[in-house]
Amino acid sequence: MKSLKLSNKLIIIKTIGIIVIIPFVFSFLFYVLLIIPEYCACDRQMYEGQVGTTIWGDTVDCGGESMFFSEAFFQLFTIINVSFIVVLTILFSWYRKISNVKI
């Protein structure tokens, strides 16, 4: 079996990188623009049933279930975005390593 040429390897890595970066951009924007402001609106010292305000001026119910849901959503999207960053970092370093190889 013949191994891939250097140019083919670089094209494959670029393609995978583009496929990974597109959902990452949307996930990161959703995380930064919606999830973090809602999570930060409810401080842990707030009493049950109080209402918080996001940086966008929206009111958020800081009671039991909604507060736990926003915290779980925050943690989930943190893990998702960190995973995307790890994959993109690995692809970038792999691309740099392969492209610096002398023929």
PDB file of N, CA and C in Angstrom:
ATOM      1  N   MET A   1       0.836  -1.181   0.000  1.00  0.00           N
ATOM      2  CA  MET A   1       0.000   0.000   0.000  1.00  0.00           C
ATOM      3  C   MET A   1       0.880   1.244   0.000  1.00  0.00           C
ATOM      4  N   LYS A   2       0.555   2.145  -0.845  1.00  0.00           N
ATOM      5  CA  LYS A   2       1.350   3.350  -1.027  1.00  0.00           C
ATOM      6  C   LYS A   2       0.964   4.395   0.031  1.00  0.00           C
ATOM      7  N   SER A   3       1.959   5.051   0.610  1.00  0.00           N
ATOM      8  CA  SER A   3       1.651   6.083   1.603  1.00  0.00           C
ATOM      9  C   SER A   3       1.242   7.379   0.908  1.00  0.00           C
ATOM     10  N   LEU A   4       0.531   8.211   1.642  1.00  0.00           N
ATOM     11  CA  LEU A   4       0.051   9.474   1.090  1.00  0.00           C
ATOM     12  C   LEU A   4       1.205  10.445   0.872  1.00  0.00           C
ATOM     13  N   LYS A   5       1.072  11.248  -0.177  1.00  0.00           N
ATOM     14  CA  LYS A   5       2.059  12.288  -0.420  1.00  0.00           C
ATOM     15  C   LYS A   5       1.889  13.385   0.622  1.00  0.00           C
ATOM     16  N   LEU A   6       2.917  14.181   0.750  1.00  0.00           N
ATOM     17  CA  LEU A   6       2.905  15.266   1.728  1.00  0.00           C
ATOM     18  C   LEU A   6       1.770  16.249   1.459  1.00  0.00           C
ATOM     19  N   SER A   7       1.554  16.594   0.204  1.00  0.00           N
ATOM     20  CA  SER A   7       0.495  17.555  -0.130  1.00  0.00           C
ATOM     21  C   SER A   7      -0.884  16.989   0.187  1.00  0.00           C
ATOM     22  N   ASN A   8      -1.072  15.688  -0.024  1.00  0.00           N
ATOM     23  CA  ASN A   8      -2.356  15.061   0.293  1.00  0.00           C
ATOM     24  C   ASN A   8      -2.605  15.044   1.800  1.00  0.00           C
ATOM     25  N   LYS A   9      -1.570  14.804   2.579  1.00  0.00           N
ATOM     26  CA  LYS A   9      -1.709  14.823   4.036  1.00  0.00           C
ATOM     27  C   LYS A   9      -2.106  16.216   4.524  1.00  0.00           C
ATOM     28  N   LEU A  10      -1.473  17.235   3.961  1.00  0.00           N
ATOM     29  CA  LEU A  10      -1.790  18.605   4.358  1.00  0.00           C
ATOM     30  C   LEU A  10      -3.221  18.982   3.979  1.00  0.00           C
ATOM     31  N   ILE A  11      -3.679  18.532   2.829  1.00  0.00           N
ATOM     32  CA  ILE A  11      -5.052  18.812   2.406  1.00  0.00           C
ATOM     33  C   ILE A  11      -6.045  18.117   3.333  1.00  0.00           C
ATOM     34  N   ILE A  12      -5.757  16.896   3.718  1.00  0.00           N
ATOM     35  CA  ILE A  12      -6.643  16.163   4.626  1.00  0.00           C
ATOM     36  C   ILE A  12      -6.716  16.853   5.982  1.00  0.00           C
ATOM     37  N   ILE A  13      -5.570  17.292   6.493  1.00  0.00           N
ATOM     38  CA  ILE A  13      -5.556  17.973   7.796  1.00  0.00           C
ATOM     39  C   ILE A  13      -6.309  19.298   7.719  1.00  0.00           C
ATOM     40  N   LYS A  14      -6.133  20.049   6.633  1.00  0.00           N
ATOM     41  CA  LYS A  14      -6.863  21.309   6.453  1.00  0.00           C
ATOM     42  C   LYS A  14      -8.370  21.061   6.405  1.00  0.00           C
ATOM     43  N   THR A  15      -8.781  20.030   5.679  1.00  0.00           N
ATOM     44  CA  THR A  15     -10.200  19.709   5.554  1.00  0.00           C
ATOM     45  C   THR A  15     -10.795  19.339   6.908  1.00  0.00           C
ATOM     46  N   ILE A  16     -10.106  18.507   7.649  1.00  0.00           N
ATOM     47  CA  ILE A  16     -10.585  18.135   8.982  1.00  0.00           C
ATOM     48  C   ILE A  16     -10.643  19.370   9.875  1.00  0.00           C
ATOM     49  N   GLY A  17      -9.656  20.236   9.766  1.00  0.00           N
ATOM     50  CA  GLY A  17      -9.643  21.464  10.553  1.00  0.00           C
ATOM     51  C   GLY A  17     -10.835  22.353  10.248  1.00  0.00           C
ATOM     52  N   ILE A  18     -11.180  22.490   8.984  1.00  0.00           N
ATOM     53  CA  ILE A  18     -12.343  23.299   8.599  1.00  0.00           C
ATOM     54  C   ILE A  18     -13.626  22.663   9.109  1.00  0.00           C
ATOM     55  N   ILE A  19     -13.712  21.339   9.019  1.00  0.00           N
ATOM     56  CA  ILE A  19     -14.899  20.634   9.505  1.00  0.00           C
ATOM     57  C   ILE A  19     -15.052  20.809  11.016  1.00  0.00           C
ATOM     58  N   VAL A  20     -13.962  20.882  11.751  1.00  0.00           N
ATOM     59  CA  VAL A  20     -14.023  21.048  13.204  1.00  0.00           C
ATOM     60  C   VAL A  20     -14.249  22.512  13.587  1.00  0.00           C
ATOM     61  N   ILE A  21     -13.655  23.440  12.863  1.00  0.00           N
ATOM     62  CA  ILE A  21     -13.718  24.848  13.275  1.00  0.00           C
ATOM     63  C   ILE A  21     -15.103  25.470  13.048  1.00  0.00           C
ATOM     64  N   ILE A  22     -15.855  24.998  12.079  1.00  0.00           N
ATOM     65  CA  ILE A  22     -17.181  25.583  11.824  1.00  0.00           C
ATOM     66  C   ILE A  22     -18.124  25.358  13.000  1.00  0.00           C
ATOM     67  N   PRO A  23     -18.315  24.129  13.498  1.00  0.00           N
ATOM     68  CA  PRO A  23     -19.188  23.989  14.679  1.00  0.00           C
ATOM     69  C   PRO A  23     -18.589  24.639  15.922  1.00  0.00           C
ATOM     70  N   PHE A  24     -17.255  24.708  15.999  1.00  0.00           N
ATOM     71  CA  PHE A  24     -16.632  25.358  17.154  1.00  0.00           C
ATOM     72  C   PHE A  24     -16.996  26.834  17.216  1.00  0.00           C
ATOM     73  N   VAL A  25     -16.982  27.517  16.080  1.00  0.00           N
ATOM     74  CA  VAL A  25     -17.311  28.947  16.062  1.00  0.00           C
ATOM     75  C   VAL A  25     -18.736  29.171  16.550  1.00  0.00           C
ATOM     76  N   PHE A  26     -19.697  28.386  16.046  1.00  0.00           N
ATOM     77  CA  PHE A  26     -21.077  28.539  16.483  1.00  0.00           C
ATOM     78  C   PHE A  26     -21.250  28.185  17.964  1.00  0.00           C
ATOM     79  N   SER A  27     -20.599  27.125  18.393  1.00  0.00           N
ATOM     80  CA  SER A  27     -20.679  26.721  19.798  1.00  0.00           C
ATOM     81  C   SER A  27     -20.067  27.784  20.706  1.00  0.00           C
ATOM     82  N   PHE A  28     -18.941  28.339  20.305  1.00  0.00           N
ATOM     83  CA  PHE A  28     -18.276  29.347  21.123  1.00  0.00           C
ATOM     84  C   PHE A  28     -19.097  30.632  21.198  1.00  0.00           C
ATOM     85  N   LEU A  29     -19.692  31.053  20.084  1.00  0.00           N
ATOM     86  CA  LEU A  29     -20.535  32.245  20.103  1.00  0.00           C
ATOM     87  C   LEU A  29     -21.759  32.046  20.986  1.00  0.00           C
ATOM     88  N   PHE A  30     -22.392  30.879  20.896  1.00  0.00           N
ATOM     89  CA  PHE A  30     -23.539  30.559  21.743  1.00  0.00           C
ATOM     90  C   PHE A  30     -23.128  30.584  23.213  1.00  0.00           C
ATOM     91  N   TYR A  31     -21.966  30.033  23.491  1.00  0.00           N
ATOM     92  CA  TYR A  31     -21.435  29.965  24.854  1.00  0.00           C
ATOM     93  C   TYR A  31     -21.163  31.361  25.410  1.00  0.00           C
ATOM     94  N   VAL A  32     -20.484  32.186  24.627  1.00  0.00           N
ATOM     95  CA  VAL A  32     -20.079  33.507  25.109  1.00  0.00           C
ATOM     96  C   VAL A  32     -21.253  34.491  25.154  1.00  0.00           C
ATOM     97  N   LEU A  33     -22.126  34.435  24.166  1.00  0.00           N
ATOM     98  CA  LEU A  33     -23.185  35.438  24.072  1.00  0.00           C
ATOM     99  C   LEU A  33     -24.446  35.086  24.858  1.00  0.00           C
ATOM    100  N   LEU A  34     -24.702  33.804  25.102  1.00  0.00           N
ATOM    101  CA  LEU A  34     -25.934  33.435  25.789  1.00  0.00           C
ATOM    102  C   LEU A  34     -25.728  32.708  27.116  1.00  0.00           C
ATOM    103  N   ILE A  35     -24.879  31.714  27.121  1.00  0.00           N
ATOM    104  CA  ILE A  35     -24.760  30.872  28.309  1.00  0.00           C
ATOM    105  C   ILE A  35     -24.018  31.567  29.438  1.00  0.00           C
ATOM    106  N   ILE A  36     -22.869  32.160  29.152  1.00  0.00           N
ATOM    107  CA  ILE A  36     -22.093  32.816  30.215  1.00  0.00           C
ATOM    108  C   ILE A  36     -22.851  33.979  30.855  1.00  0.00           C
ATOM    109  N   PRO A  37     -23.498  34.881  30.086  1.00  0.00           N
ATOM    110  CA  PRO A  37     -24.248  35.956  30.754  1.00  0.00           C
ATOM    111  C   PRO A  37     -25.380  35.447  31.653  1.00  0.00           C
ATOM    112  N   GLU A  38     -26.079  34.392  31.217  1.00  0.00           N
ATOM    113  CA  GLU A  38     -27.152  33.849  32.049  1.00  0.00           C
ATOM    114  C   GLU A  38     -26.593  33.191  33.305  1.00  0.00           C
ATOM    115  N   TYR A  39     -25.479  32.486  33.147  1.00  0.00           N
ATOM    116  CA  TYR A  39     -24.858  31.832  34.291  1.00  0.00           C
ATOM    117  C   TYR A  39     -24.347  32.862  35.302  1.00  0.00           C
ATOM    118  N   CYS A  40     -23.763  33.942  34.808  1.00  0.00           N
ATOM    119  CA  CYS A  40     -23.209  34.965  35.691  1.00  0.00           C
ATOM    120  C   CYS A  40     -24.290  35.866  36.299  1.00  0.00           C
ATOM    121  N   ALA A  41     -25.489  35.882  35.726  1.00  0.00           N
ATOM    122  CA  ALA A  41     -26.560  36.733  36.247  1.00  0.00           C
ATOM    123  C   ALA A  41     -27.021  36.269  37.622  1.00  0.00           C
ATOM    124  N   CYS A  42     -26.966  34.992  37.860  1.00  0.00           N
ATOM    125  CA  CYS A  42     -27.399  34.441  39.143  1.00  0.00           C
ATOM    126  C   CYS A  42     -26.163  34.146  39.991  1.00  0.00           C
ATOM    127  N   ASP A  43     -25.928  34.969  40.947  1.00  0.00           N
ATOM    128  CA  ASP A  43     -24.816  34.780  41.862  1.00  0.00           C
ATOM    129  C   ASP A  43     -25.183  33.679  42.856  1.00  0.00           C
ATOM    130  N   ARG A  44     -24.220  32.932  43.328  1.00  0.00           N
ATOM    131  CA  ARG A  44     -24.499  31.840  44.267  1.00  0.00           C
ATOM    132  C   ARG A  44     -25.052  32.336  45.606  1.00  0.00           C
ATOM    133  N   GLN A  45     -24.845  33.580  45.946  1.00  0.00           N
ATOM    134  CA  GLN A  45     -25.343  34.117  47.198  1.00  0.00           C
ATOM    135  C   GLN A  45     -26.789  34.598  47.097  1.00  0.00           C
ATOM    136  N   MET A  46     -27.405  34.520  45.917  1.00  0.00           N
ATOM    137  CA  MET A  46     -28.785  34.968  45.764  1.00  0.00           C
ATOM    138  C   MET A  46     -29.723  34.005  46.481  1.00  0.00           C
ATOM    139  N   TYR A  47     -30.815  34.553  46.967  1.00  0.00           N
ATOM    140  CA  TYR A  47     -31.819  33.728  47.631  1.00  0.00           C
ATOM    141  C   TYR A  47     -32.702  33.045  46.594  1.00  0.00           C
ATOM    142  N   GLU A  48     -33.359  31.977  47.016  1.00  0.00           N
ATOM    143  CA  GLU A  48     -34.254  31.220  46.145  1.00  0.00           C
ATOM    144  C   GLU A  48     -35.352  32.115  45.575  1.00  0.00           C
ATOM    145  N   GLY A  49     -35.536  32.062  44.278  1.00  0.00           N
ATOM    146  CA  GLY A  49     -36.621  32.793  43.638  1.00  0.00           C
ATOM    147  C   GLY A  49     -36.287  34.212  43.225  1.00  0.00           C
ATOM    148  N   GLN A  50     -35.086  34.672  43.477  1.00  0.00           N
ATOM    149  CA  GLN A  50     -34.729  36.018  43.038  1.00  0.00           C
ATOM    150  C   GLN A  50     -34.527  36.045  41.526  1.00  0.00           C
ATOM    151  N   VAL A  51     -34.532  37.235  40.990  1.00  0.00           N
ATOM    152  CA  VAL A  51     -34.371  37.424  39.553  1.00  0.00           C
ATOM    153  C   VAL A  51     -33.050  38.146  39.300  1.00  0.00           C
ATOM    154  N   GLY A  52     -32.276  37.621  38.371  1.00  0.00           N
ATOM    155  CA  GLY A  52     -31.017  38.253  37.988  1.00  0.00           C
ATOM    156  C   GLY A  52     -31.154  38.920  36.633  1.00  0.00           C
ATOM    157  N   THR A  53     -30.218  39.779  36.314  1.00  0.00           N
ATOM    158  CA  THR A  53     -30.217  40.479  35.034  1.00  0.00           C
ATOM    159  C   THR A  53     -28.900  40.212  34.321  1.00  0.00           C
ATOM    160  N   THR A  54     -28.989  39.811  33.054  1.00  0.00           N
ATOM    161  CA  THR A  54     -27.781  39.542  32.275  1.00  0.00           C
ATOM    162  C   THR A  54     -27.192  40.858  31.778  1.00  0.00           C
ATOM    163  N   ILE A  55     -26.025  40.771  31.141  1.00  0.00           N
ATOM    164  CA  ILE A  55     -25.410  41.972  30.593  1.00  0.00           C
ATOM    165  C   ILE A  55     -26.206  42.512  29.414  1.00  0.00           C
ATOM    166  N   TRP A  56     -27.099  41.702  28.852  1.00  0.00           N
ATOM    167  CA  TRP A  56     -27.940  42.123  27.735  1.00  0.00           C
ATOM    168  C   TRP A  56     -29.240  42.748  28.226  1.00  0.00           C
ATOM    169  N   GLY A  57     -29.466  42.748  29.538  1.00  0.00           N
ATOM    170  CA  GLY A  57     -30.673  43.342  30.095  1.00  0.00           C
ATOM    171  C   GLY A  57     -31.830  42.373  30.242  1.00  0.00           C
ATOM    172  N   ASP A  58     -31.622  41.113  29.942  1.00  0.00           N
ATOM    173  CA  ASP A  58     -32.668  40.113  30.095  1.00  0.00           C
ATOM    174  C   ASP A  58     -32.772  39.693  31.559  1.00  0.00           C
ATOM    175  N   THR A  59     -33.987  39.396  31.994  1.00  0.00           N
ATOM    176  CA  THR A  59     -34.162  38.909  33.363  1.00  0.00           C
ATOM    177  C   THR A  59     -34.118  37.385  33.367  1.00  0.00           C
ATOM    178  N   VAL A  60     -33.477  36.846  34.396  1.00  0.00           N
ATOM    179  CA  VAL A  60     -33.294  35.415  34.529  1.00  0.00           C
ATOM    180  C   VAL A  60     -33.816  34.999  35.889  1.00  0.00           C
ATOM    181  N   ASP A  61     -34.669  33.969  35.907  1.00  0.00           N
ATOM    182  CA  ASP A  61     -35.151  33.418  37.168  1.00  0.00           C
ATOM    183  C   ASP A  61     -34.026  32.600  37.791  1.00  0.00           C
ATOM    184  N   CYS A  62     -33.654  32.953  39.000  1.00  0.00           N
ATOM    185  CA  CYS A  62     -32.534  32.285  39.659  1.00  0.00           C
ATOM    186  C   CYS A  62     -32.996  31.240  40.666  1.00  0.00           C
ATOM    187  N   GLY A  63     -34.183  30.740  40.490  1.00  0.00           N
ATOM    188  CA  GLY A  63     -34.710  29.719  41.388  1.00  0.00           C
ATOM    189  C   GLY A  63     -34.198  28.344  41.039  1.00  0.00           C
ATOM    190  N   GLY A  64     -34.281  27.446  41.971  1.00  0.00           N
ATOM    191  CA  GLY A  64     -33.831  26.063  41.948  1.00  0.00           C
ATOM    192  C   GLY A  64     -33.514  25.429  40.622  1.00  0.00           C
ATOM    193  N   GLU A  65     -34.525  24.954  39.897  1.00  0.00           N
ATOM    194  CA  GLU A  65     -34.288  24.175  38.686  1.00  0.00           C
ATOM    195  C   GLU A  65     -33.617  24.982  37.581  1.00  0.00           C
ATOM    196  N   SER A  66     -34.041  26.205  37.373  1.00  0.00           N
ATOM    197  CA  SER A  66     -33.436  26.989  36.294  1.00  0.00           C
ATOM    198  C   SER A  66     -31.982  27.325  36.612  1.00  0.00           C
ATOM    199  N   MET A  67     -31.673  27.533  37.892  1.00  0.00           N
ATOM    200  CA  MET A  67     -30.290  27.814  38.275  1.00  0.00           C
ATOM    201  C   MET A  67     -29.415  26.578  38.072  1.00  0.00           C
ATOM    202  N   PHE A  68     -29.925  25.408  38.454  1.00  0.00           N
ATOM    203  CA  PHE A  68     -29.163  24.174  38.259  1.00  0.00           C
ATOM    204  C   PHE A  68     -29.033  23.834  36.776  1.00  0.00           C
ATOM    205  N   PHE A  69     -30.075  24.112  36.010  1.00  0.00           N
ATOM    206  CA  PHE A  69     -30.026  23.859  34.573  1.00  0.00           C
ATOM    207  C   PHE A  69     -28.990  24.751  33.904  1.00  0.00           C
ATOM    208  N   SER A  70     -28.960  26.029  34.268  1.00  0.00           N
ATOM    209  CA  SER A  70     -27.981  26.928  33.651  1.00  0.00           C
ATOM    210  C   SER A  70     -26.559  26.553  34.057  1.00  0.00           C
ATOM    211  N   GLU A  71     -26.380  26.077  35.281  1.00  0.00           N
ATOM    212  CA  GLU A  71     -25.043  25.641  35.709  1.00  0.00           C
ATOM    213  C   GLU A  71     -24.612  24.388  34.946  1.00  0.00           C
ATOM    214  N   ALA A  72     -25.534  23.451  34.765  1.00  0.00           N
ATOM    215  CA  ALA A  72     -25.208  22.232  34.009  1.00  0.00           C
ATOM    216  C   ALA A  72     -24.918  22.559  32.545  1.00  0.00           C
ATOM    217  N   PHE A  73     -25.711  23.475  31.963  1.00  0.00           N
ATOM    218  CA  PHE A  73     -25.501  23.896  30.583  1.00  0.00           C
ATOM    219  C   PHE A  73     -24.149  24.590  30.446  1.00  0.00           C
ATOM    220  N   PHE A  74     -23.789  25.403  31.411  1.00  0.00           N
ATOM    221  CA  PHE A  74     -22.496  26.084  31.419  1.00  0.00           C
ATOM    222  C   PHE A  74     -21.360  25.061  31.436  1.00  0.00           C
ATOM    223  N   GLN A  75     -21.472  24.058  32.304  1.00  0.00           N
ATOM    224  CA  GLN A  75     -20.424  23.042  32.398  1.00  0.00           C
ATOM    225  C   GLN A  75     -20.341  22.207  31.116  1.00  0.00           C
ATOM    226  N   LEU A  76     -21.492  21.864  30.545  1.00  0.00           N
ATOM    227  CA  LEU A  76     -21.510  21.072  29.317  1.00  0.00           C
ATOM    228  C   LEU A  76     -20.829  21.813  28.169  1.00  0.00           C
ATOM    229  N   PHE A  77     -21.181  23.079  27.969  1.00  0.00           N
ATOM    230  CA  PHE A  77     -20.590  23.825  26.871  1.00  0.00           C
ATOM    231  C   PHE A  77     -19.129  24.187  27.140  1.00  0.00           C
ATOM    232  N   THR A  78     -18.739  24.269  28.388  1.00  0.00           N
ATOM    233  CA  THR A  78     -17.324  24.454  28.694  1.00  0.00           C
ATOM    234  C   THR A  78     -16.528  23.239  28.235  1.00  0.00           C
ATOM    235  N   ILE A  79     -17.036  22.056  28.543  1.00  0.00           N
ATOM    236  CA  ILE A  79     -16.359  20.828  28.127  1.00  0.00           C
ATOM    237  C   ILE A  79     -16.338  20.700  26.611  1.00  0.00           C
ATOM    238  N   ILE A  80     -17.442  21.028  25.958  1.00  0.00           N
ATOM    239  CA  ILE A  80     -17.507  20.942  24.496  1.00  0.00           C
ATOM    240  C   ILE A  80     -16.499  21.889  23.853  1.00  0.00           C
ATOM    241  N   ASN A  81     -16.449  23.125  24.319  1.00  0.00           N
ATOM    242  CA  ASN A  81     -15.533  24.100  23.718  1.00  0.00           C
ATOM    243  C   ASN A  81     -14.074  23.772  24.009  1.00  0.00           C
ATOM    244  N   VAL A  82     -13.786  23.273  25.195  1.00  0.00           N
ATOM    245  CA  VAL A  82     -12.408  22.866  25.497  1.00  0.00           C
ATOM    246  C   VAL A  82     -12.012  21.688  24.611  1.00  0.00           C
ATOM    247  N   SER A  83     -12.938  20.765  24.369  1.00  0.00           N
ATOM    248  CA  SER A  83     -12.644  19.632  23.487  1.00  0.00           C
ATOM    249  C   SER A  83     -12.338  20.101  22.065  1.00  0.00           C
ATOM    250  N   PHE A  84     -13.136  21.057  21.561  1.00  0.00           N
ATOM    251  CA  PHE A  84     -12.859  21.610  20.243  1.00  0.00           C
ATOM    252  C   PHE A  84     -11.473  22.256  20.205  1.00  0.00           C
ATOM    253  N   ILE A  85     -11.119  22.992  21.240  1.00  0.00           N
ATOM    254  CA  ILE A  85      -9.823  23.665  21.281  1.00  0.00           C
ATOM    255  C   ILE A  85      -8.687  22.651  21.297  1.00  0.00           C
ATOM    256  N   VAL A  86      -8.845  21.562  22.040  1.00  0.00           N
ATOM    257  CA  VAL A  86      -7.815  20.522  22.088  1.00  0.00           C
ATOM    258  C   VAL A  86      -7.641  19.884  20.706  1.00  0.00           C
ATOM    259  N   VAL A  87      -8.751  19.552  20.055  1.00  0.00           N
ATOM    260  CA  VAL A  87      -8.671  18.931  18.726  1.00  0.00           C
ATOM    261  C   VAL A  87      -8.026  19.883  17.724  1.00  0.00           C
ATOM    262  N   LEU A  88      -8.423  21.153  17.752  1.00  0.00           N
ATOM    263  CA  LEU A  88      -7.834  22.118  16.823  1.00  0.00           C
ATOM    264  C   LEU A  88      -6.351  22.340  17.102  1.00  0.00           C
ATOM    265  N   THR A  89      -5.959  22.325  18.362  1.00  0.00           N
ATOM    266  CA  THR A  89      -4.545  22.466  18.700  1.00  0.00           C
ATOM    267  C   THR A  89      -3.735  21.280  18.193  1.00  0.00           C
ATOM    268  N   ILE A  90      -4.280  20.088  18.354  1.00  0.00           N
ATOM    269  CA  ILE A  90      -3.587  18.889  17.855  1.00  0.00           C
ATOM    270  C   ILE A  90      -3.465  18.947  16.335  1.00  0.00           C
ATOM    271  N   LEU A  91      -4.555  19.317  15.657  1.00  0.00           N
ATOM    272  CA  LEU A  91      -4.496  19.419  14.187  1.00  0.00           C
ATOM    273  C   LEU A  91      -3.496  20.477  13.737  1.00  0.00           C
ATOM    274  N   PHE A  92      -3.483  21.624  14.412  1.00  0.00           N
ATOM    275  CA  PHE A  92      -2.552  22.691  14.044  1.00  0.00           C
ATOM    276  C   PHE A  92      -1.103  22.253  14.241  1.00  0.00           C
ATOM    277  N   SER A  93      -0.808  21.619  15.376  1.00  0.00           N
ATOM    278  CA  SER A  93       0.571  21.182  15.613  1.00  0.00           C
ATOM    279  C   SER A  93       0.976  20.068  14.652  1.00  0.00           C
ATOM    280  N   TRP A  94       0.039  19.191  14.335  1.00  0.00           N
ATOM    281  CA  TRP A  94       0.320  18.125  13.381  1.00  0.00           C
ATOM    282  C   TRP A  94       0.583  18.715  11.995  1.00  0.00           C
ATOM    283  N   TYR A  95      -0.211  19.704  11.606  1.00  0.00           N
ATOM    284  CA  TYR A  95      -0.022  20.376  10.315  1.00  0.00           C
ATOM    285  C   TYR A  95       1.342  21.050  10.257  1.00  0.00           C
ATOM    286  N   ARG A  96       1.700  21.753  11.331  1.00  0.00           N
ATOM    287  CA  ARG A  96       3.015  22.429  11.378  1.00  0.00           C
ATOM    288  C   ARG A  96       4.159  21.419  11.300  1.00  0.00           C
ATOM    289  N   LYS A  97       4.002  20.295  12.009  1.00  0.00           N
ATOM    290  CA  LYS A  97       5.048  19.289  12.014  1.00  0.00           C
ATOM    291  C   LYS A  97       5.230  18.679  10.614  1.00  0.00           C
ATOM    292  N   ILE A  98       4.122  18.381   9.954  1.00  0.00           N
ATOM    293  CA  ILE A  98       4.195  17.764   8.624  1.00  0.00           C
ATOM    294  C   ILE A  98       4.684  18.768   7.583  1.00  0.00           C
ATOM    295  N   SER A  99       4.235  20.035   7.684  1.00  0.00           N
ATOM    296  CA  SER A  99       4.634  21.007   6.663  1.00  0.00           C
ATOM    297  C   SER A  99       6.105  21.430   6.790  1.00  0.00           C
ATOM    298  N   ASN A 100       6.722  21.215   7.939  1.00  0.00           N
ATOM    299  CA  ASN A 100       8.132  21.559   8.107  1.00  0.00           C
ATOM    300  C   ASN A 100       9.073  20.442   7.671  1.00  0.00           C
ATOM    301  N   VAL A 101       8.545  19.313   7.248  1.00  0.00           N
ATOM    302  CA  VAL A 101       9.356  18.189   6.804  1.00  0.00           C
ATOM    303  C   VAL A 101       9.983  18.521   5.446  1.00  0.00           C
ATOM    304  N   LYS A 102      11.266  18.336   5.335  1.00  0.00           N
ATOM    305  CA  LYS A 102      11.981  18.581   4.078  1.00  0.00           C
ATOM    306  C   LYS A 102      11.834  17.354   3.168  1.00  0.00           C
ATOM    307  N   ILE A 103      11.612  17.637   1.906  1.00  0.00           N
ATOM    308  CA  ILE A 103      11.459  16.519   0.938  1.00  0.00           C
ATOM    309  C   ILE A 103      12.801  16.145   0.371  1.00  0.00           C
TER     310      ILE A 103
END
